[in-house]
Amino acid sequence: MSSIKINRYFIFLLSCLFSLVGSQADEIKSMKDDICLLADASRIESSRIYESGEPSLLTSSFNKILKSKSAKEDFEKLYKNGKTNAARLYALTGLHHIDNNLYREYVQHMDLESKVERIWFCGTDVLKVSDMLNLIETGKMLETFQWVPKSEK
């Protein structure tokens, strides 16, 4: 009788372990998906875009990475594997918040005169990378990525 209880307990513990491992694997896959999405970004987006104010997938991915335990490594990976200026600017925004020294190191490799498109709420424009870096350094970029309407707070 007690061996049956022990076996049930053992099975319960195993199922908890597999559930935990499975959820960690899902979290890792989600992080990879977020990095891949940002690595291909063709523009910078605010947290809400278009007149409808729909949430931006790009900034949602950015914010998930920023909150993760591996944020610094993930933003480094994004910077190194980013295919566009927009991708590298997302990475630099995160690095500026997490590790300013690493941010300064990576900024030196950016072409300050090159351009990047952005959607800022319902407007679009094209800015120089140097102007976008100014937004990062003043905290405006991070603030815009994390803005949430009062009705959703």
C-alpha atoms as a PDB file:
ATOM      1  CA  MET A   1       0.000   0.000   0.000  1.00  0.00           C
ATOM      2  CA  SER A   2       2.736   2.504   0.876  1.00  0.00           C
ATOM      3  CA  SER A   3       4.691   1.548  -2.241  1.00  0.00           C
ATOM      4  CA  ILE A   4       1.657   2.581  -4.310  1.00  0.00           C
ATOM      5  CA  LYS A   5       1.635   5.979  -2.597  1.00  0.00           C
ATOM      6  CA  ILE A   6       5.372   6.334  -3.191  1.00  0.00           C
ATOM      7  CA  ASN A   7       4.956   5.421  -6.864  1.00  0.00           C
ATOM      8  CA  ARG A   8       2.138   7.950  -7.279  1.00  0.00           C
ATOM      9  CA  TYR A   9       4.246  10.603  -5.581  1.00  0.00           C
ATOM     10  CA  PHE A  10       7.207   9.720  -7.791  1.00  0.00           C
ATOM     11  CA  ILE A  11       5.025   9.933 -10.919  1.00  0.00           C
ATOM     12  CA  PHE A  12       3.658  13.278  -9.720  1.00  0.00           C
ATOM     13  CA  LEU A  13       7.205  14.621  -9.238  1.00  0.00           C
ATOM     14  CA  LEU A  14       8.249  13.402 -12.674  1.00  0.00           C
ATOM     15  CA  SER A  15       5.248  15.035 -14.312  1.00  0.00           C
ATOM     16  CA  CYS A  16       6.090  18.336 -12.549  1.00  0.00           C
ATOM     17  CA  LEU A  17       9.679  18.079 -13.749  1.00  0.00           C
ATOM     18  CA  PHE A  18       8.648  17.420 -17.368  1.00  0.00           C
ATOM     19  CA  SER A  19       6.161  20.261 -17.214  1.00  0.00           C
ATOM     20  CA  LEU A  20       8.861  22.626 -15.946  1.00  0.00           C
ATOM     21  CA  VAL A  21      11.355  21.527 -18.602  1.00  0.00           C
ATOM     22  CA  GLY A  22       8.677  21.869 -21.286  1.00  0.00           C
ATOM     23  CA  SER A  23       7.739  25.384 -20.218  1.00  0.00           C
ATOM     24  CA  GLN A  24      11.403  26.438 -20.170  1.00  0.00           C
ATOM     25  CA  ALA A  25      11.825  25.041 -23.683  1.00  0.00           C
ATOM     26  CA  ASP A  26       8.747  27.003 -24.815  1.00  0.00           C
ATOM     27  CA  GLU A  27      10.179  30.173 -23.240  1.00  0.00           C
ATOM     28  CA  ILE A  28      13.523  29.672 -25.009  1.00  0.00           C
ATOM     29  CA  LYS A  29      11.749  29.085 -28.345  1.00  0.00           C
ATOM     30  CA  SER A  30       9.661  32.229 -27.789  1.00  0.00           C
ATOM     31  CA  MET A  31      12.832  34.274 -27.111  1.00  0.00           C
ATOM     32  CA  LYS A  32      14.408  32.944 -30.308  1.00  0.00           C
ATOM     33  CA  ASP A  33      11.267  33.889 -32.244  1.00  0.00           C
ATOM     34  CA  ASP A  34      11.371  37.408 -30.752  1.00  0.00           C
ATOM     35  CA  ILE A  35      15.048  37.813 -31.663  1.00  0.00           C
ATOM     36  CA  CYS A  36      14.409  36.566 -35.210  1.00  0.00           C
ATOM     37  CA  LEU A  37      11.465  38.938 -35.635  1.00  0.00           C
ATOM     38  CA  LEU A  38      13.543  41.915 -34.491  1.00  0.00           C
ATOM     39  CA  ALA A  39      16.603  40.831 -36.510  1.00  0.00           C
ATOM     40  CA  ASP A  40      14.532  41.271 -39.684  1.00  0.00           C
ATOM     41  CA  ALA A  41      12.882  44.551 -38.606  1.00  0.00           C
ATOM     42  CA  SER A  42      12.697  47.035 -41.459  1.00  0.00           C
ATOM     43  CA  ARG A  43      11.600  49.928 -39.230  1.00  0.00           C
ATOM     44  CA  ILE A  44      11.332  51.182 -35.658  1.00  0.00           C
ATOM     45  CA  GLU A  45       7.841  51.199 -34.170  1.00  0.00           C
ATOM     46  CA  SER A  46       6.361  52.807 -31.060  1.00  0.00           C
ATOM     47  CA  SER A  47       4.435  50.578 -28.661  1.00  0.00           C
ATOM     48  CA  ARG A  48       1.171  51.428 -30.433  1.00  0.00           C
ATOM     49  CA  ILE A  49       0.896  52.020 -34.156  1.00  0.00           C
ATOM     50  CA  TYR A  50      -1.619  53.272 -36.705  1.00  0.00           C
ATOM     51  CA  GLU A  51      -4.748  55.235 -35.922  1.00  0.00           C
ATOM     52  CA  SER A  52      -6.290  52.160 -34.310  1.00  0.00           C
ATOM     53  CA  GLY A  53      -3.492  52.097 -31.730  1.00  0.00           C
ATOM     54  CA  GLU A  54      -2.827  48.416 -32.269  1.00  0.00           C
ATOM     55  CA  PRO A  55       0.081  46.963 -30.277  1.00  0.00           C
ATOM     56  CA  SER A  56       3.315  46.670 -32.256  1.00  0.00           C
ATOM     57  CA  LEU A  57       4.669  43.145 -32.613  1.00  0.00           C
ATOM     58  CA  LEU A  58       8.196  44.539 -32.794  1.00  0.00           C
ATOM     59  CA  THR A  59       8.033  46.470 -29.534  1.00  0.00           C
ATOM     60  CA  SER A  60       6.170  43.596 -27.857  1.00  0.00           C
ATOM     61  CA  SER A  61       9.104  41.352 -28.779  1.00  0.00           C
ATOM     62  CA  PHE A  62      11.559  43.990 -27.567  1.00  0.00           C
ATOM     63  CA  ASN A  63       9.799  44.239 -24.202  1.00  0.00           C
ATOM     64  CA  LYS A  64       9.711  40.442 -23.753  1.00  0.00           C
ATOM     65  CA  ILE A  65      13.460  40.292 -24.309  1.00  0.00           C
ATOM     66  CA  LEU A  66      14.073  43.258 -21.987  1.00  0.00           C
ATOM     67  CA  LYS A  67      12.230  41.472 -19.153  1.00  0.00           C
ATOM     68  CA  SER A  68      14.037  38.160 -19.649  1.00  0.00           C
ATOM     69  CA  LYS A  69      16.913  36.876 -17.526  1.00  0.00           C
ATOM     70  CA  SER A  70      19.084  36.631 -20.632  1.00  0.00           C
ATOM     71  CA  ALA A  71      18.312  40.158 -21.901  1.00  0.00           C
ATOM     72  CA  LYS A  72      21.930  41.320 -22.183  1.00  0.00           C
ATOM     73  CA  GLU A  73      23.003  38.233 -24.140  1.00  0.00           C
ATOM     74  CA  ASP A  74      19.884  38.356 -26.311  1.00  0.00           C
ATOM     75  CA  PHE A  75      20.392  42.030 -27.193  1.00  0.00           C
ATOM     76  CA  GLU A  76      24.062  41.323 -27.994  1.00  0.00           C
ATOM     77  CA  LYS A  77      22.948  38.485 -30.259  1.00  0.00           C
ATOM     78  CA  LEU A  78      20.366  40.760 -31.876  1.00  0.00           C
ATOM     79  CA  TYR A  79      22.976  43.465 -32.508  1.00  0.00           C
ATOM     80  CA  LYS A  80      25.442  41.005 -34.044  1.00  0.00           C
ATOM     81  CA  ASN A  81      22.828  39.170 -36.134  1.00  0.00           C
ATOM     82  CA  GLY A  82      20.588  42.111 -36.963  1.00  0.00           C
ATOM     83  CA  LYS A  83      20.179  42.523 -40.688  1.00  0.00           C
ATOM     84  CA  THR A  84      19.102  46.176 -40.612  1.00  0.00           C
ATOM     85  CA  ASN A  85      19.758  49.446 -38.821  1.00  0.00           C
ATOM     86  CA  ALA A  86      16.330  49.077 -37.215  1.00  0.00           C
ATOM     87  CA  ALA A  87      17.315  45.706 -35.744  1.00  0.00           C
ATOM     88  CA  ARG A  88      20.546  47.095 -34.341  1.00  0.00           C
ATOM     89  CA  LEU A  89      18.704  50.130 -32.900  1.00  0.00           C
ATOM     90  CA  TYR A  90      16.300  47.834 -31.039  1.00  0.00           C
ATOM     91  CA  ALA A  91      19.355  46.024 -29.644  1.00  0.00           C
ATOM     92  CA  LEU A  92      21.086  49.272 -28.730  1.00  0.00           C
ATOM     93  CA  THR A  93      17.986  50.535 -26.918  1.00  0.00           C
ATOM     94  CA  GLY A  94      18.037  47.441 -24.725  1.00  0.00           C
ATOM     95  CA  LEU A  95      21.791  47.570 -24.181  1.00  0.00           C
ATOM     96  CA  HIS A  96      21.667  51.261 -23.241  1.00  0.00           C
ATOM     97  CA  HIS A  97      19.250  50.317 -20.472  1.00  0.00           C
ATOM     98  CA  ILE A  98      21.202  47.225 -19.316  1.00  0.00           C
ATOM     99  CA  ASP A  99      24.908  47.836 -19.998  1.00  0.00           C
ATOM    100  CA  ASN A 100      25.913  51.347 -21.010  1.00  0.00           C
ATOM    101  CA  ASN A 101      29.555  50.392 -21.636  1.00  0.00           C
ATOM    102  CA  LEU A 102      28.577  47.719 -24.138  1.00  0.00           C
ATOM    103  CA  TYR A 103      26.132  50.184 -25.721  1.00  0.00           C
ATOM    104  CA  ARG A 104      28.979  52.699 -26.202  1.00  0.00           C
ATOM    105  CA  GLU A 105      31.182  50.016 -27.761  1.00  0.00           C
ATOM    106  CA  TYR A 106      28.525  48.969 -30.306  1.00  0.00           C
ATOM    107  CA  VAL A 107      27.483  52.542 -31.186  1.00  0.00           C
ATOM    108  CA  GLN A 108      30.965  53.124 -32.594  1.00  0.00           C
ATOM    109  CA  HIS A 109      30.185  50.661 -35.399  1.00  0.00           C
ATOM    110  CA  MET A 110      26.985  52.377 -36.546  1.00  0.00           C
ATOM    111  CA  ASP A 111      26.842  54.560 -39.652  1.00  0.00           C
ATOM    112  CA  LEU A 112      25.461  57.730 -38.064  1.00  0.00           C
ATOM    113  CA  GLU A 113      24.385  59.247 -41.384  1.00  0.00           C
ATOM    114  CA  SER A 114      22.395  56.226 -42.574  1.00  0.00           C
ATOM    115  CA  LYS A 115      18.612  56.392 -42.360  1.00  0.00           C
ATOM    116  CA  VAL A 116      15.929  54.336 -40.666  1.00  0.00           C
ATOM    117  CA  GLU A 117      12.151  54.433 -41.038  1.00  0.00           C
ATOM    118  CA  ARG A 118       9.972  54.692 -37.960  1.00  0.00           C
ATOM    119  CA  ILE A 119       6.284  54.518 -37.211  1.00  0.00           C
ATOM    120  CA  TRP A 120       5.615  56.713 -34.215  1.00  0.00           C
ATOM    121  CA  PHE A 121       2.056  56.030 -33.159  1.00  0.00           C
ATOM    122  CA  CYS A 122       0.130  56.967 -36.333  1.00  0.00           C
ATOM    123  CA  GLY A 123       2.831  58.942 -38.162  1.00  0.00           C
ATOM    124  CA  THR A 124       5.775  57.769 -40.242  1.00  0.00           C
ATOM    125  CA  ASP A 125       9.078  59.421 -41.002  1.00  0.00           C
ATOM    126  CA  VAL A 126      12.702  58.669 -41.805  1.00  0.00           C
ATOM    127  CA  LEU A 127      15.485  59.719 -39.448  1.00  0.00           C
ATOM    128  CA  LYS A 128      19.249  59.498 -39.372  1.00  0.00           C
ATOM    129  CA  VAL A 129      20.696  56.860 -37.099  1.00  0.00           C
ATOM    130  CA  SER A 130      22.366  59.683 -35.129  1.00  0.00           C
ATOM    131  CA  ASP A 131      18.916  61.144 -34.353  1.00  0.00           C
ATOM    132  CA  MET A 132      17.637  57.741 -33.243  1.00  0.00           C
ATOM    133  CA  LEU A 133      20.677  57.325 -30.979  1.00  0.00           C
ATOM    134  CA  ASN A 134      19.814  60.666 -29.391  1.00  0.00           C
ATOM    135  CA  LEU A 135      16.325  59.290 -28.635  1.00  0.00           C
ATOM    136  CA  ILE A 136      17.922  56.219 -27.056  1.00  0.00           C
ATOM    137  CA  GLU A 137      20.324  58.254 -24.931  1.00  0.00           C
ATOM    138  CA  THR A 138      17.610  60.592 -23.634  1.00  0.00           C
ATOM    139  CA  GLY A 139      15.416  57.617 -22.684  1.00  0.00           C
ATOM    140  CA  LYS A 140      12.678  58.621 -25.148  1.00  0.00           C
ATOM    141  CA  MET A 141      13.018  55.448 -27.215  1.00  0.00           C
ATOM    142  CA  LEU A 142      12.589  53.094 -24.249  1.00  0.00           C
ATOM    143  CA  GLU A 143       9.733  55.214 -22.910  1.00  0.00           C
ATOM    144  CA  THR A 144       7.961  55.036 -26.271  1.00  0.00           C
ATOM    145  CA  PHE A 145       8.486  51.268 -26.524  1.00  0.00           C
ATOM    146  CA  GLN A 146       6.896  50.775 -23.113  1.00  0.00           C
ATOM    147  CA  TRP A 147       4.036  53.284 -23.326  1.00  0.00           C
ATOM    148  CA  VAL A 148       0.649  51.829 -22.426  1.00  0.00           C
ATOM    149  CA  PRO A 149      -2.671  53.709 -22.588  1.00  0.00           C
ATOM    150  CA  LYS A 150      -4.099  54.648 -19.171  1.00  0.00           C
ATOM    151  CA  SER A 151      -7.139  52.511 -19.923  1.00  0.00           C
ATOM    152  CA  GLU A 152      -4.908  49.394 -19.950  1.00  0.00           C
ATOM    153  CA  LYS A 153      -2.873  50.108 -16.822  1.00  0.00           C
END
